[in-house]
Amino acid sequence: MELTQTVRQVALVTCGLMLLPVLGMQLSTEVNWGPADFFVAAVLLFSAGLIYRLVAAQLPGKAQRTLLAVLVVTLLALIWAELAVGLFS
């Protein structure tokens, strides 16, 4: 798959996921994101998605791609938790 198409697909998925906090802000006063929150979340999601897509394309087996997905999601969750609540501080 061409790199620009991969980047475009990851960007579209990232934009779709970023609509969830926007919807949450409309439905609840407990979701209160500022511009910096949206920027950081978008960068994290886009980076995780792009890393997965680029590395997974090089892996031969489904088990290896699954392990990569678990690794990327785990790292994303740990970084997100650290930024959100200072999990490791």
N, C-alpha and C. Protein backbone atom coordinates (compact mmCIF):
# COMPACT_ATOMS: atom_id res chain seq x y z
N MET A 1 0.85 -1.17 0.00
CA MET A 1 0.00 0.00 0.00
C MET A 1 0.89 1.23 0.00
N GLU A 2 0.49 2.21 -0.72
CA GLU A 2 1.26 3.44 -0.84
C GLU A 2 1.26 4.23 0.47
N LEU A 3 2.39 4.86 0.76
CA LEU A 3 2.55 5.58 2.02
C LEU A 3 1.51 6.69 2.19
N THR A 4 1.27 7.47 1.14
CA THR A 4 0.31 8.56 1.28
C THR A 4 -1.10 8.05 1.56
N GLN A 5 -1.45 6.92 0.97
CA GLN A 5 -2.76 6.34 1.24
C GLN A 5 -2.85 5.84 2.68
N THR A 6 -1.76 5.25 3.17
CA THR A 6 -1.72 4.79 4.56
C THR A 6 -1.86 5.96 5.52
N VAL A 7 -1.11 7.03 5.26
CA VAL A 7 -1.18 8.22 6.11
C VAL A 7 -2.58 8.81 6.07
N ARG A 8 -3.18 8.85 4.91
CA ARG A 8 -4.54 9.40 4.77
C ARG A 8 -5.54 8.56 5.56
N GLN A 9 -5.43 7.24 5.49
CA GLN A 9 -6.35 6.37 6.22
C GLN A 9 -6.19 6.53 7.73
N VAL A 10 -4.94 6.58 8.19
CA VAL A 10 -4.71 6.75 9.62
C VAL A 10 -5.23 8.11 10.07
N ALA A 11 -5.05 9.14 9.26
CA ALA A 11 -5.54 10.48 9.61
C ALA A 11 -7.07 10.50 9.70
N LEU A 12 -7.74 9.80 8.78
CA LEU A 12 -9.21 9.76 8.82
C LEU A 12 -9.72 9.03 10.05
N VAL A 13 -9.08 7.93 10.41
CA VAL A 13 -9.48 7.20 11.61
C VAL A 13 -9.23 8.07 12.85
N THR A 14 -8.10 8.76 12.87
CA THR A 14 -7.79 9.65 13.99
C THR A 14 -8.85 10.74 14.11
N CYS A 15 -9.22 11.35 13.00
CA CYS A 15 -10.26 12.39 13.04
C CYS A 15 -11.58 11.82 13.55
N GLY A 16 -11.91 10.62 13.12
CA GLY A 16 -13.14 9.99 13.59
C GLY A 16 -13.11 9.74 15.08
N LEU A 17 -11.98 9.27 15.58
CA LEU A 17 -11.87 9.04 17.02
C LEU A 17 -11.89 10.35 17.81
N MET A 18 -11.40 11.42 17.22
CA MET A 18 -11.40 12.71 17.91
C MET A 18 -12.81 13.30 18.02
N LEU A 19 -13.73 12.75 17.27
CA LEU A 19 -15.11 13.20 17.40
C LEU A 19 -15.76 12.70 18.69
N LEU A 20 -15.21 11.62 19.26
CA LEU A 20 -15.79 11.09 20.50
C LEU A 20 -15.70 12.08 21.67
N PRO A 21 -14.55 12.72 21.94
CA PRO A 21 -14.56 13.71 23.02
C PRO A 21 -15.40 14.94 22.68
N VAL A 22 -15.49 15.28 21.41
CA VAL A 22 -16.36 16.40 21.02
C VAL A 22 -17.80 16.08 21.37
N LEU A 23 -18.22 14.86 21.05
CA LEU A 23 -19.57 14.41 21.39
C LEU A 23 -19.74 14.37 22.91
N GLY A 24 -18.72 13.87 23.61
CA GLY A 24 -18.77 13.82 25.06
C GLY A 24 -18.92 15.20 25.68
N MET A 25 -18.28 16.19 25.10
CA MET A 25 -18.38 17.56 25.62
C MET A 25 -19.79 18.12 25.40
N GLN A 26 -20.46 17.64 24.37
CA GLN A 26 -21.82 18.11 24.10
C GLN A 26 -22.83 17.46 25.04
N LEU A 27 -22.52 16.24 25.48
CA LEU A 27 -23.48 15.48 26.28
C LEU A 27 -23.25 15.59 27.78
N SER A 28 -22.05 16.00 28.20
CA SER A 28 -21.74 16.01 29.62
C SER A 28 -20.81 17.17 29.95
N THR A 29 -20.97 17.69 31.15
CA THR A 29 -20.07 18.76 31.60
C THR A 29 -18.78 18.17 32.19
N GLU A 30 -18.73 16.86 32.38
CA GLU A 30 -17.55 16.22 32.93
C GLU A 30 -16.43 16.07 31.92
N VAL A 31 -16.75 16.09 30.64
CA VAL A 31 -15.73 16.06 29.59
C VAL A 31 -15.41 17.50 29.24
N ASN A 32 -14.21 17.92 29.56
CA ASN A 32 -13.83 19.32 29.36
C ASN A 32 -12.43 19.38 28.77
N TRP A 33 -12.34 19.21 27.46
CA TRP A 33 -11.05 19.22 26.77
C TRP A 33 -10.78 20.60 26.20
N GLY A 34 -9.54 21.02 26.26
CA GLY A 34 -9.10 22.25 25.63
C GLY A 34 -8.37 21.92 24.33
N PRO A 35 -7.94 22.96 23.60
CA PRO A 35 -7.22 22.73 22.35
C PRO A 35 -5.96 21.88 22.52
N ALA A 36 -5.23 22.08 23.60
CA ALA A 36 -4.01 21.30 23.82
C ALA A 36 -4.34 19.82 24.03
N ASP A 37 -5.44 19.53 24.71
CA ASP A 37 -5.85 18.14 24.92
C ASP A 37 -6.15 17.46 23.58
N PHE A 38 -6.87 18.17 22.72
CA PHE A 38 -7.18 17.61 21.40
C PHE A 38 -5.91 17.39 20.58
N PHE A 39 -4.99 18.34 20.64
CA PHE A 39 -3.75 18.23 19.87
C PHE A 39 -2.94 17.02 20.33
N VAL A 40 -2.74 16.91 21.63
CA VAL A 40 -1.94 15.80 22.16
C VAL A 40 -2.61 14.46 21.86
N ALA A 41 -3.90 14.37 22.05
CA ALA A 41 -4.61 13.12 21.77
C ALA A 41 -4.51 12.76 20.29
N ALA A 42 -4.67 13.74 19.42
CA ALA A 42 -4.58 13.47 17.98
C ALA A 42 -3.18 13.01 17.60
N VAL A 43 -2.16 13.64 18.15
CA VAL A 43 -0.78 13.24 17.85
C VAL A 43 -0.52 11.82 18.34
N LEU A 44 -0.97 11.50 19.55
CA LEU A 44 -0.78 10.15 20.09
C LEU A 44 -1.50 9.10 19.24
N LEU A 45 -2.75 9.35 18.92
CA LEU A 45 -3.52 8.38 18.14
C LEU A 45 -2.95 8.21 16.74
N PHE A 46 -2.61 9.33 16.10
CA PHE A 46 -2.06 9.27 14.75
C PHE A 46 -0.73 8.53 14.74
N SER A 47 0.12 8.85 15.71
CA SER A 47 1.44 8.20 15.78
C SER A 47 1.29 6.70 16.02
N ALA A 48 0.44 6.32 16.93
CA ALA A 48 0.23 4.90 17.23
C ALA A 48 -0.31 4.17 15.99
N GLY A 49 -1.27 4.76 15.33
CA GLY A 49 -1.85 4.14 14.14
C GLY A 49 -0.85 4.01 13.01
N LEU A 50 -0.06 5.05 12.81
CA LEU A 50 0.91 5.03 11.72
C LEU A 50 2.03 4.04 12.01
N ILE A 51 2.50 4.02 13.25
CA ILE A 51 3.54 3.05 13.62
C ILE A 51 3.02 1.64 13.39
N TYR A 52 1.80 1.37 13.84
CA TYR A 52 1.25 0.03 13.64
C TYR A 52 1.19 -0.33 12.16
N ARG A 53 0.61 0.55 11.36
CA ARG A 53 0.43 0.24 9.94
C ARG A 53 1.75 0.02 9.22
N LEU A 54 2.75 0.86 9.53
CA LEU A 54 4.03 0.75 8.83
C LEU A 54 4.81 -0.49 9.26
N VAL A 55 4.80 -0.79 10.54
CA VAL A 55 5.53 -1.97 11.02
C VAL A 55 4.78 -3.25 10.66
N ALA A 56 3.47 -3.26 10.79
CA ALA A 56 2.68 -4.45 10.49
C ALA A 56 2.82 -4.88 9.03
N ALA A 57 3.02 -3.91 8.15
CA ALA A 57 3.18 -4.24 6.73
C ALA A 57 4.45 -5.05 6.49
N GLN A 58 5.39 -4.96 7.40
CA GLN A 58 6.66 -5.69 7.25
C GLN A 58 6.64 -7.06 7.92
N LEU A 59 5.62 -7.34 8.71
CA LEU A 59 5.56 -8.60 9.45
C LEU A 59 4.84 -9.68 8.65
N PRO A 60 5.36 -10.90 8.66
CA PRO A 60 4.79 -11.95 7.82
C PRO A 60 3.54 -12.63 8.39
N GLY A 61 3.43 -12.75 9.71
CA GLY A 61 2.35 -13.56 10.26
C GLY A 61 1.32 -12.76 11.03
N LYS A 62 0.12 -13.35 11.11
CA LYS A 62 -0.97 -12.72 11.85
C LYS A 62 -0.66 -12.63 13.34
N ALA A 63 0.00 -13.65 13.89
CA ALA A 63 0.34 -13.64 15.31
C ALA A 63 1.30 -12.50 15.63
N GLN A 64 2.23 -12.25 14.74
CA GLN A 64 3.17 -11.15 14.94
C GLN A 64 2.47 -9.79 14.87
N ARG A 65 1.55 -9.66 13.94
CA ARG A 65 0.79 -8.39 13.83
C ARG A 65 -0.10 -8.19 15.05
N THR A 66 -0.66 -9.28 15.57
CA THR A 66 -1.48 -9.19 16.78
C THR A 66 -0.63 -8.77 17.97
N LEU A 67 0.54 -9.35 18.10
CA LEU A 67 1.45 -8.98 19.18
C LEU A 67 1.86 -7.51 19.06
N LEU A 68 2.12 -7.07 17.84
CA LEU A 68 2.45 -5.66 17.61
C LEU A 68 1.29 -4.76 18.03
N ALA A 69 0.07 -5.14 17.68
CA ALA A 69 -1.11 -4.35 18.04
C ALA A 69 -1.24 -4.24 19.55
N VAL A 70 -1.04 -5.35 20.25
CA VAL A 70 -1.11 -5.34 21.72
C VAL A 70 -0.04 -4.41 22.28
N LEU A 71 1.16 -4.48 21.75
CA LEU A 71 2.26 -3.63 22.21
C LEU A 71 1.96 -2.15 21.98
N VAL A 72 1.49 -1.81 20.79
CA VAL A 72 1.20 -0.41 20.46
C VAL A 72 0.06 0.12 21.33
N VAL A 73 -0.99 -0.65 21.50
CA VAL A 73 -2.13 -0.21 22.32
C VAL A 73 -1.72 -0.07 23.78
N THR A 74 -0.91 -0.99 24.26
CA THR A 74 -0.43 -0.91 25.65
C THR A 74 0.40 0.34 25.87
N LEU A 75 1.34 0.60 24.97
CA LEU A 75 2.16 1.81 25.09
C LEU A 75 1.31 3.07 25.00
N LEU A 76 0.35 3.08 24.08
CA LEU A 76 -0.54 4.23 23.96
C LEU A 76 -1.32 4.45 25.25
N ALA A 77 -1.85 3.38 25.83
CA ALA A 77 -2.62 3.50 27.07
C ALA A 77 -1.75 3.99 28.23
N LEU A 78 -0.52 3.50 28.31
CA LEU A 78 0.37 3.94 29.38
C LEU A 78 0.74 5.41 29.24
N ILE A 79 1.04 5.84 28.03
CA ILE A 79 1.35 7.26 27.81
C ILE A 79 0.14 8.12 28.10
N TRP A 80 -1.03 7.69 27.63
CA TRP A 80 -2.27 8.44 27.86
C TRP A 80 -2.55 8.57 29.35
N ALA A 81 -2.40 7.47 30.09
CA ALA A 81 -2.65 7.49 31.53
C ALA A 81 -1.67 8.41 32.26
N GLU A 82 -0.42 8.38 31.84
CA GLU A 82 0.58 9.24 32.46
C GLU A 82 0.24 10.71 32.23
N LEU A 83 -0.14 11.03 31.02
CA LEU A 83 -0.47 12.42 30.70
C LEU A 83 -1.77 12.86 31.40
N ALA A 84 -2.71 11.94 31.52
CA ALA A 84 -4.01 12.30 32.08
C ALA A 84 -3.97 12.45 33.60
N VAL A 85 -3.34 11.51 34.29
CA VAL A 85 -3.41 11.53 35.75
C VAL A 85 -2.06 11.37 36.44
N GLY A 86 -0.98 11.34 35.69
CA GLY A 86 0.33 11.18 36.29
C GLY A 86 0.49 9.82 36.94
N LEU A 87 0.16 8.78 36.22
CA LEU A 87 0.16 7.43 36.73
C LEU A 87 1.50 7.03 37.35
N PHE A 88 2.60 7.48 36.78
CA PHE A 88 3.91 7.07 37.25
C PHE A 88 4.60 8.13 38.11
N SER A 89 3.92 9.21 38.38
CA SER A 89 4.53 10.29 39.16
C SER A 89 4.33 10.09 40.65
